[in-house]
Amino acid sequence: MTNPLTWRTDTTYVPASENLGMFLNKKEGIKKPGVGAQIHKNLLWVDKPKFKGSILLFSSNYHRGDFNLFYLNVRSNFRQRVGAYWRG
């Protein structure tokens, strides 16, 4: 398990301030800050997302939106990895 906010496997809690932004939908776009995250017992635990209408979010399983919750962090990591590959 890797924390998408730090790209490390330790169990340190990483606050939402380290989340570059989450993608909600085309209308609302990127929301900052996103959610904080921590690995606990080989599962990624995240803070409850806060956005317009999130008060109606009763589920604690955010797997359907896991990529969206860390959208800008994943995009940044992708760019770093592609750049490192091309630098050789």
PDB file of N, CA and C in Angstrom:
ATOM      1  N   MET A   1       0.860  -1.177   0.000  1.00  0.00           N
ATOM      2  CA  MET A   1       0.000   0.000   0.000  1.00  0.00           C
ATOM      3  C   MET A   1       0.897   1.228   0.000  1.00  0.00           C
ATOM      4  N   THR A   2       0.566   2.183  -0.838  1.00  0.00           N
ATOM      5  CA  THR A   2       1.310   3.433  -0.948  1.00  0.00           C
ATOM      6  C   THR A   2       0.368   4.607  -0.715  1.00  0.00           C
ATOM      7  N   ASN A   3       0.814   5.555   0.087  1.00  0.00           N
ATOM      8  CA  ASN A   3       0.028   6.751   0.327  1.00  0.00           C
ATOM      9  C   ASN A   3       0.214   7.683  -0.876  1.00  0.00           C
ATOM     10  N   PRO A   4      -0.853   8.033  -1.584  1.00  0.00           N
ATOM     11  CA  PRO A   4      -0.730   8.859  -2.784  1.00  0.00           C
ATOM     12  C   PRO A   4      -0.374  10.320  -2.499  1.00  0.00           C
ATOM     13  N   LEU A   5      -0.262  10.690  -1.242  1.00  0.00           N
ATOM     14  CA  LEU A   5       0.145  12.052  -0.914  1.00  0.00           C
ATOM     15  C   LEU A   5       1.657  12.165  -0.735  1.00  0.00           C
ATOM     16  N   THR A   6       2.302  11.064  -0.374  1.00  0.00           N
ATOM     17  CA  THR A   6       3.751  11.081  -0.149  1.00  0.00           C
ATOM     18  C   THR A   6       4.482  10.070  -1.015  1.00  0.00           C
ATOM     19  N   TRP A   7       3.767   9.104  -1.561  1.00  0.00           N
ATOM     20  CA  TRP A   7       4.328   7.996  -2.336  1.00  0.00           C
ATOM     21  C   TRP A   7       5.256   7.147  -1.474  1.00  0.00           C
ATOM     22  N   ARG A   8       4.955   7.090  -0.183  1.00  0.00           N
ATOM     23  CA  ARG A   8       5.692   6.235   0.750  1.00  0.00           C
ATOM     24  C   ARG A   8       4.738   5.195   1.316  1.00  0.00           C
ATOM     25  N   THR A   9       5.324   4.191   1.948  1.00  0.00           N
ATOM     26  CA  THR A   9       4.518   3.097   2.503  1.00  0.00           C
ATOM     27  C   THR A   9       4.437   3.142   4.020  1.00  0.00           C
ATOM     28  N   ASP A  10       4.931   4.206   4.643  1.00  0.00           N
ATOM     29  CA  ASP A  10       4.868   4.274   6.102  1.00  0.00           C
ATOM     30  C   ASP A  10       3.452   4.615   6.566  1.00  0.00           C
ATOM     31  N   THR A  11       3.244   4.628   7.868  1.00  0.00           N
ATOM     32  CA  THR A  11       1.898   4.822   8.421  1.00  0.00           C
ATOM     33  C   THR A  11       1.673   6.242   8.952  1.00  0.00           C
ATOM     34  N   THR A  12       2.500   7.174   8.550  1.00  0.00           N
ATOM     35  CA  THR A  12       2.369   8.559   8.992  1.00  0.00           C
ATOM     36  C   THR A  12       1.115   9.201   8.391  1.00  0.00           C
ATOM     37  N   TYR A  13       0.341   9.883   9.242  1.00  0.00           N
ATOM     38  CA  TYR A  13      -0.822  10.619   8.747  1.00  0.00           C
ATOM     39  C   TYR A  13      -0.327  11.827   7.958  1.00  0.00           C
ATOM     40  N   VAL A  14      -0.895  12.021   6.785  1.00  0.00           N
ATOM     41  CA  VAL A  14      -0.541  13.155   5.931  1.00  0.00           C
ATOM     42  C   VAL A  14      -1.784  14.041   5.822  1.00  0.00           C
ATOM     43  N   PRO A  15      -1.688  15.304   6.264  1.00  0.00           N
ATOM     44  CA  PRO A  15      -2.868  16.170   6.285  1.00  0.00           C
ATOM     45  C   PRO A  15      -3.328  16.596   4.895  1.00  0.00           C
ATOM     46  N   ALA A  16      -4.542  17.079   4.841  1.00  0.00           N
ATOM     47  CA  ALA A  16      -5.148  17.523   3.579  1.00  0.00           C
ATOM     48  C   ALA A  16      -4.353  18.645   2.929  1.00  0.00           C
ATOM     49  N   SER A  17      -3.596  19.394   3.713  1.00  0.00           N
ATOM     50  CA  SER A  17      -2.805  20.494   3.145  1.00  0.00           C
ATOM     51  C   SER A  17      -1.737  19.984   2.175  1.00  0.00           C
ATOM     52  N   GLU A  18      -1.400  18.694   2.249  1.00  0.00           N
ATOM     53  CA  GLU A  18      -0.430  18.094   1.330  1.00  0.00           C
ATOM     54  C   GLU A  18      -1.094  17.565   0.058  1.00  0.00           C
ATOM     55  N   ASN A  19      -2.419  17.591   0.039  1.00  0.00           N
ATOM     56  CA  ASN A  19      -3.166  17.141  -1.130  1.00  0.00           C
ATOM     57  C   ASN A  19      -3.274  18.315  -2.094  1.00  0.00           C
ATOM     58  N   LEU A  20      -2.731  18.156  -3.288  1.00  0.00           N
ATOM     59  CA  LEU A  20      -2.715  19.247  -4.264  1.00  0.00           C
ATOM     60  C   LEU A  20      -4.100  19.584  -4.795  1.00  0.00           C
ATOM     61  N   GLY A  21      -5.020  18.646  -4.700  1.00  0.00           N
ATOM     62  CA  GLY A  21      -6.386  18.897  -5.141  1.00  0.00           C
ATOM     63  C   GLY A  21      -7.081  17.640  -5.611  1.00  0.00           C
ATOM     64  N   MET A  22      -8.391  17.606  -5.397  1.00  0.00           N
ATOM     65  CA  MET A  22      -9.200  16.475  -5.852  1.00  0.00           C
ATOM     66  C   MET A  22     -10.138  16.963  -6.948  1.00  0.00           C
ATOM     67  N   PHE A  23     -10.481  16.062  -7.851  1.00  0.00           N
ATOM     68  CA  PHE A  23     -11.374  16.390  -8.957  1.00  0.00           C
ATOM     69  C   PHE A  23     -12.768  15.923  -8.596  1.00  0.00           C
ATOM     70  N   LEU A  24     -13.711  16.856  -8.542  1.00  0.00           N
ATOM     71  CA  LEU A  24     -15.080  16.503  -8.177  1.00  0.00           C
ATOM     72  C   LEU A  24     -15.901  16.123  -9.400  1.00  0.00           C
ATOM     73  N   ASN A  25     -16.026  17.029 -10.328  1.00  0.00           N
ATOM     74  CA  ASN A  25     -16.771  16.796 -11.563  1.00  0.00           C
ATOM     75  C   ASN A  25     -16.436  17.913 -12.539  1.00  0.00           C
ATOM     76  N   LYS A  26     -16.936  17.829 -13.761  1.00  0.00           N
ATOM     77  CA  LYS A  26     -16.605  18.841 -14.769  1.00  0.00           C
ATOM     78  C   LYS A  26     -17.092  20.232 -14.374  1.00  0.00           C
ATOM     79  N   LYS A  27     -18.236  20.291 -13.720  1.00  0.00           N
ATOM     80  CA  LYS A  27     -18.805  21.583 -13.352  1.00  0.00           C
ATOM     81  C   LYS A  27     -17.987  22.262 -12.249  1.00  0.00           C
ATOM     82  N   GLU A  28     -17.632  21.494 -11.201  1.00  0.00           N
ATOM     83  CA  GLU A  28     -16.924  22.074 -10.061  1.00  0.00           C
ATOM     84  C   GLU A  28     -15.405  22.022 -10.217  1.00  0.00           C
ATOM     85  N   GLY A  29     -14.904  21.124 -11.030  1.00  0.00           N
ATOM     86  CA  GLY A  29     -13.467  21.041 -11.290  1.00  0.00           C
ATOM     87  C   GLY A  29     -12.653  20.587 -10.092  1.00  0.00           C
ATOM     88  N   ILE A  30     -11.501  21.222  -9.895  1.00  0.00           N
ATOM     89  CA  ILE A  30     -10.559  20.856  -8.846  1.00  0.00           C
ATOM     90  C   ILE A  30     -10.933  21.538  -7.539  1.00  0.00           C
ATOM     91  N   LYS A  31     -10.897  20.778  -6.446  1.00  0.00           N
ATOM     92  CA  LYS A  31     -11.203  21.303  -5.109  1.00  0.00           C
ATOM     93  C   LYS A  31      -9.941  21.213  -4.269  1.00  0.00           C
ATOM     94  N   LYS A  32      -9.561  22.317  -3.655  1.00  0.00           N
ATOM     95  CA  LYS A  32      -8.403  22.354  -2.766  1.00  0.00           C
ATOM     96  C   LYS A  32      -8.853  22.827  -1.406  1.00  0.00           C
ATOM     97  N   PRO A  33      -8.305  22.355  -0.312  1.00  0.00           N
ATOM     98  CA  PRO A  33      -7.464  21.157  -0.310  1.00  0.00           C
ATOM     99  C   PRO A  33      -8.310  19.916  -0.479  1.00  0.00           C
ATOM    100  N   GLY A  34      -7.659  18.840  -0.762  1.00  0.00           N
ATOM    101  CA  GLY A  34      -8.349  17.558  -0.907  1.00  0.00           C
ATOM    102  C   GLY A  34      -8.527  16.920   0.459  1.00  0.00           C
ATOM    103  N   VAL A  35      -8.217  15.654   0.563  1.00  0.00           N
ATOM    104  CA  VAL A  35      -8.361  14.924   1.814  1.00  0.00           C
ATOM    105  C   VAL A  35      -6.994  14.491   2.325  1.00  0.00           C
ATOM    106  N   GLY A  36      -6.896  14.327   3.643  1.00  0.00           N
ATOM    107  CA  GLY A  36      -5.704  13.759   4.247  1.00  0.00           C
ATOM    108  C   GLY A  36      -5.787  12.244   4.160  1.00  0.00           C
ATOM    109  N   ALA A  37      -4.656  11.575   4.356  1.00  0.00           N
ATOM    110  CA  ALA A  37      -4.646  10.113   4.232  1.00  0.00           C
ATOM    111  C   ALA A  37      -3.595   9.481   5.129  1.00  0.00           C
ATOM    112  N   GLN A  38      -3.859   8.231   5.496  1.00  0.00           N
ATOM    113  CA  GLN A  38      -2.935   7.457   6.330  1.00  0.00           C
ATOM    114  C   GLN A  38      -3.117   5.980   6.044  1.00  0.00           C
ATOM    115  N   ILE A  39      -2.025   5.263   5.981  1.00  0.00           N
ATOM    116  CA  ILE A  39      -2.088   3.812   5.834  1.00  0.00           C
ATOM    117  C   ILE A  39      -2.237   3.217   7.227  1.00  0.00           C
ATOM    118  N   HIS A  40      -3.218   2.361   7.376  1.00  0.00           N
ATOM    119  CA  HIS A  40      -3.468   1.687   8.653  1.00  0.00           C
ATOM    120  C   HIS A  40      -3.861   0.253   8.354  1.00  0.00           C
ATOM    121  N   LYS A  41      -3.066  -0.677   8.866  1.00  0.00           N
ATOM    122  CA  LYS A  41      -3.307  -2.111   8.648  1.00  0.00           C
ATOM    123  C   LYS A  41      -3.462  -2.425   7.159  1.00  0.00           C
ATOM    124  N   ASN A  42      -2.571  -1.854   6.374  1.00  0.00           N
ATOM    125  CA  ASN A  42      -2.493  -2.071   4.928  1.00  0.00           C
ATOM    126  C   ASN A  42      -3.732  -1.602   4.160  1.00  0.00           C
ATOM    127  N   LEU A  43      -4.446  -0.651   4.735  1.00  0.00           N
ATOM    128  CA  LEU A  43      -5.569   0.009   4.054  1.00  0.00           C
ATOM    129  C   LEU A  43      -5.315   1.499   4.078  1.00  0.00           C
ATOM    130  N   LEU A  44      -5.766   2.196   3.067  1.00  0.00           N
ATOM    131  CA  LEU A  44      -5.622   3.644   3.033  1.00  0.00           C
ATOM    132  C   LEU A  44      -6.873   4.279   3.629  1.00  0.00           C
ATOM    133  N   TRP A  45      -6.690   4.946   4.750  1.00  0.00           N
ATOM    134  CA  TRP A  45      -7.784   5.657   5.400  1.00  0.00           C
ATOM    135  C   TRP A  45      -7.687   7.117   5.001  1.00  0.00           C
ATOM    136  N   VAL A  46      -8.827   7.722   4.651  1.00  0.00           N
ATOM    137  CA  VAL A  46      -8.845   9.119   4.236  1.00  0.00           C
ATOM    138  C   VAL A  46      -9.859   9.897   5.061  1.00  0.00           C
ATOM    139  N   ASP A  47      -9.635  11.205   5.146  1.00  0.00           N
ATOM    140  CA  ASP A  47     -10.604  12.083   5.800  1.00  0.00           C
ATOM    141  C   ASP A  47     -11.869  12.127   4.946  1.00  0.00           C
ATOM    142  N   LYS A  48     -12.982  12.442   5.577  1.00  0.00           N
ATOM    143  CA  LYS A  48     -14.224  12.578   4.814  1.00  0.00           C
ATOM    144  C   LYS A  48     -14.084  13.773   3.875  1.00  0.00           C
ATOM    145  N   PRO A  49     -14.335  13.567   2.586  1.00  0.00           N
ATOM    146  CA  PRO A  49     -14.244  14.675   1.635  1.00  0.00           C
ATOM    147  C   PRO A  49     -15.245  15.777   1.972  1.00  0.00           C
ATOM    148  N   LYS A  50     -14.826  17.025   1.771  1.00  0.00           N
ATOM    149  CA  LYS A  50     -15.707  18.162   2.031  1.00  0.00           C
ATOM    150  C   LYS A  50     -15.886  18.938   0.733  1.00  0.00           C
ATOM    151  N   PHE A  51     -17.114  18.975   0.272  1.00  0.00           N
ATOM    152  CA  PHE A  51     -17.466  19.717  -0.936  1.00  0.00           C
ATOM    153  C   PHE A  51     -18.964  19.980  -0.881  1.00  0.00           C
ATOM    154  N   LYS A  52     -19.445  20.812  -1.773  1.00  0.00           N
ATOM    155  CA  LYS A  52     -20.871  21.141  -1.794  1.00  0.00           C
ATOM    156  C   LYS A  52     -21.677  19.852  -1.940  1.00  0.00           C
ATOM    157  N   GLY A  53     -22.525  19.571  -0.981  1.00  0.00           N
ATOM    158  CA  GLY A  53     -23.350  18.370  -0.996  1.00  0.00           C
ATOM    159  C   GLY A  53     -22.747  17.190  -0.261  1.00  0.00           C
ATOM    160  N   SER A  54     -21.534  17.339   0.259  1.00  0.00           N
ATOM    161  CA  SER A  54     -20.895  16.193   0.931  1.00  0.00           C
ATOM    162  C   SER A  54     -21.587  15.810   2.232  1.00  0.00           C
ATOM    163  N   ILE A  55     -22.399  16.703   2.760  1.00  0.00           N
ATOM    164  CA  ILE A  55     -23.146  16.370   3.976  1.00  0.00           C
ATOM    165  C   ILE A  55     -24.108  15.201   3.724  1.00  0.00           C
ATOM    166  N   LEU A  56     -24.453  14.993   2.452  1.00  0.00           N
ATOM    167  CA  LEU A  56     -25.348  13.899   2.085  1.00  0.00           C
ATOM    168  C   LEU A  56     -24.598  12.607   1.794  1.00  0.00           C
ATOM    169  N   LEU A  57     -23.281  12.632   1.947  1.00  0.00           N
ATOM    170  CA  LEU A  57     -22.451  11.461   1.703  1.00  0.00           C
ATOM    171  C   LEU A  57     -22.407  10.622   2.977  1.00  0.00           C
ATOM    172  N   PHE A  58     -23.159   9.528   2.987  1.00  0.00           N
ATOM    173  CA  PHE A  58     -23.269   8.709   4.188  1.00  0.00           C
ATOM    174  C   PHE A  58     -22.324   7.523   4.185  1.00  0.00           C
ATOM    175  N   SER A  59     -21.814   7.145   3.048  1.00  0.00           N
ATOM    176  CA  SER A  59     -20.914   6.003   2.954  1.00  0.00           C
ATOM    177  C   SER A  59     -19.525   6.377   3.460  1.00  0.00           C
ATOM    178  N   SER A  60     -18.835   5.419   4.058  1.00  0.00           N
ATOM    179  CA  SER A  60     -17.445   5.650   4.452  1.00  0.00           C
ATOM    180  C   SER A  60     -16.501   4.906   3.509  1.00  0.00           C
ATOM    181  N   ASN A  61     -17.053   4.358   2.429  1.00  0.00           N
ATOM    182  CA  ASN A  61     -16.250   3.671   1.422  1.00  0.00           C
ATOM    183  C   ASN A  61     -16.135   4.602   0.215  1.00  0.00           C
ATOM    184  N   TYR A  62     -14.938   5.164   0.023  1.00  0.00           N
ATOM    185  CA  TYR A  62     -14.733   6.127  -1.055  1.00  0.00           C
ATOM    186  C   TYR A  62     -13.999   5.497  -2.231  1.00  0.00           C
ATOM    187  N   HIS A  63     -14.018   4.184  -2.331  1.00  0.00           N
ATOM    188  CA  HIS A  63     -13.271   3.487  -3.368  1.00  0.00           C
ATOM    189  C   HIS A  63     -13.699   3.909  -4.776  1.00  0.00           C
ATOM    190  N   ARG A  64     -14.951   4.214  -4.963  1.00  0.00           N
ATOM    191  CA  ARG A  64     -15.432   4.626  -6.290  1.00  0.00           C
ATOM    192  C   ARG A  64     -14.764   5.909  -6.758  1.00  0.00           C
ATOM    193  N   GLY A  65     -14.302   6.726  -5.820  1.00  0.00           N
ATOM    194  CA  GLY A  65     -13.673   7.991  -6.204  1.00  0.00           C
ATOM    195  C   GLY A  65     -12.224   8.088  -5.792  1.00  0.00           C
ATOM    196  N   ASP A  66     -11.578   6.942  -5.560  1.00  0.00           N
ATOM    197  CA  ASP A  66     -10.224   6.993  -5.003  1.00  0.00           C
ATOM    198  C   ASP A  66      -9.241   7.754  -5.882  1.00  0.00           C
ATOM    199  N   PHE A  67      -9.289   7.591  -7.173  1.00  0.00           N
ATOM    200  CA  PHE A  67      -8.395   8.339  -8.060  1.00  0.00           C
ATOM    201  C   PHE A  67      -8.708   9.828  -7.985  1.00  0.00           C
ATOM    202  N   ASN A  68      -9.975  10.168  -7.976  1.00  0.00           N
ATOM    203  CA  ASN A  68     -10.397  11.572  -7.946  1.00  0.00           C
ATOM    204  C   ASN A  68      -9.953  12.285  -6.670  1.00  0.00           C
ATOM    205  N   LEU A  69      -9.895  11.570  -5.548  1.00  0.00           N
ATOM    206  CA  LEU A  69      -9.525  12.190  -4.281  1.00  0.00           C
ATOM    207  C   LEU A  69      -8.083  12.684  -4.280  1.00  0.00           C
ATOM    208  N   PHE A  70      -7.243  12.089  -5.115  1.00  0.00           N
ATOM    209  CA  PHE A  70      -5.820  12.437  -5.149  1.00  0.00           C
ATOM    210  C   PHE A  70      -5.383  12.823  -6.562  1.00  0.00           C
ATOM    211  N   TYR A  71      -6.295  13.372  -7.329  1.00  0.00           N
ATOM    212  CA  TYR A  71      -6.100  13.611  -8.754  1.00  0.00           C
ATOM    213  C   TYR A  71      -4.812  14.385  -9.075  1.00  0.00           C
ATOM    214  N   LEU A  72      -4.621  15.544  -8.455  1.00  0.00           N
ATOM    215  CA  LEU A  72      -3.449  16.353  -8.795  1.00  0.00           C
ATOM    216  C   LEU A  72      -2.152  15.729  -8.287  1.00  0.00           C
ATOM    217  N   ASN A  73      -2.197  15.003  -7.178  1.00  0.00           N
ATOM    218  CA  ASN A  73      -0.993  14.319  -6.694  1.00  0.00           C
ATOM    219  C   ASN A  73      -0.590  13.196  -7.644  1.00  0.00           C
ATOM    220  N   VAL A  74      -1.564  12.454  -8.136  1.00  0.00           N
ATOM    221  CA  VAL A  74      -1.279  11.373  -9.083  1.00  0.00           C
ATOM    222  C   VAL A  74      -0.740  11.964 -10.379  1.00  0.00           C
ATOM    223  N   ARG A  75      -1.329  13.040 -10.845  1.00  0.00           N
ATOM    224  CA  ARG A  75      -0.875  13.678 -12.075  1.00  0.00           C
ATOM    225  C   ARG A  75       0.564  14.196 -11.943  1.00  0.00           C
ATOM    226  N   SER A  76       0.871  14.792 -10.803  1.00  0.00           N
ATOM    227  CA  SER A  76       2.225  15.292 -10.555  1.00  0.00           C
ATOM    228  C   SER A  76       3.232  14.145 -10.509  1.00  0.00           C
ATOM    229  N   ASN A  77       2.872  13.061  -9.840  1.00  0.00           N
ATOM    230  CA  ASN A  77       3.763  11.907  -9.750  1.00  0.00           C
ATOM    231  C   ASN A  77       3.995  11.288 -11.124  1.00  0.00           C
ATOM    232  N   PHE A  78       2.957  11.237 -11.928  1.00  0.00           N
ATOM    233  CA  PHE A  78       3.074  10.707 -13.285  1.00  0.00           C
ATOM    234  C   PHE A  78       4.076  11.527 -14.091  1.00  0.00           C
ATOM    235  N   ARG A  79       3.965  12.846 -14.013  1.00  0.00           N
ATOM    236  CA  ARG A  79       4.880  13.718 -14.754  1.00  0.00           C
ATOM    237  C   ARG A  79       6.321  13.532 -14.288  1.00  0.00           C
ATOM    238  N   GLN A  80       6.515  13.381 -12.980  1.00  0.00           N
ATOM    239  CA  GLN A  80       7.866  13.163 -12.453  1.00  0.00           C
ATOM    240  C   GLN A  80       8.447  11.852 -12.959  1.00  0.00           C
ATOM    241  N   ARG A  81       7.637  10.811 -12.957  1.00  0.00           N
ATOM    242  CA  ARG A  81       8.114   9.500 -13.401  1.00  0.00           C
ATOM    243  C   ARG A  81       8.414   9.471 -14.898  1.00  0.00           C
ATOM    244  N   VAL A  82       7.581  10.090 -15.700  1.00  0.00           N
ATOM    245  CA  VAL A  82       7.829  10.139 -17.141  1.00  0.00           C
ATOM    246  C   VAL A  82       9.093  10.952 -17.411  1.00  0.00           C
ATOM    247  N   GLY A  83       9.252  12.080 -16.710  1.00  0.00           N
ATOM    248  CA  GLY A  83      10.450  12.890 -16.861  1.00  0.00           C
ATOM    249  C   GLY A  83      11.708  12.118 -16.494  1.00  0.00           C
ATOM    250  N   ALA A  84      11.651  11.375 -15.401  1.00  0.00           N
ATOM    251  CA  ALA A  84      12.811  10.557 -14.989  1.00  0.00           C
ATOM    252  C   ALA A  84      13.111   9.481 -16.014  1.00  0.00           C
ATOM    253  N   TYR A  85      12.099   8.893 -16.574  1.00  0.00           N
ATOM    254  CA  TYR A  85      12.291   7.862 -17.604  1.00  0.00           C
ATOM    255  C   TYR A  85      13.023   8.451 -18.811  1.00  0.00           C
ATOM    256  N   TRP A  86      12.581   9.606 -19.286  1.00  0.00           N
ATOM    257  CA  TRP A  86      13.179  10.200 -20.482  1.00  0.00           C
ATOM    258  C   TRP A  86      14.582  10.748 -20.224  1.00  0.00           C
ATOM    259  N   ARG A  87      14.863  11.106 -18.965  1.00  0.00           N
ATOM    260  CA  ARG A  87      16.224  11.551 -18.634  1.00  0.00           C
ATOM    261  C   ARG A  87      17.193  10.364 -18.542  1.00  0.00           C
ATOM    262  N   GLY A  88      16.606   9.181 -18.422  1.00  0.00           N
ATOM    263  CA  GLY A  88      17.304   7.959 -18.528  1.00  0.00           C
ATOM    264  C   GLY A  88      18.087   7.364 -17.498  1.00  0.00           C
TER     265      GLY A  88
END
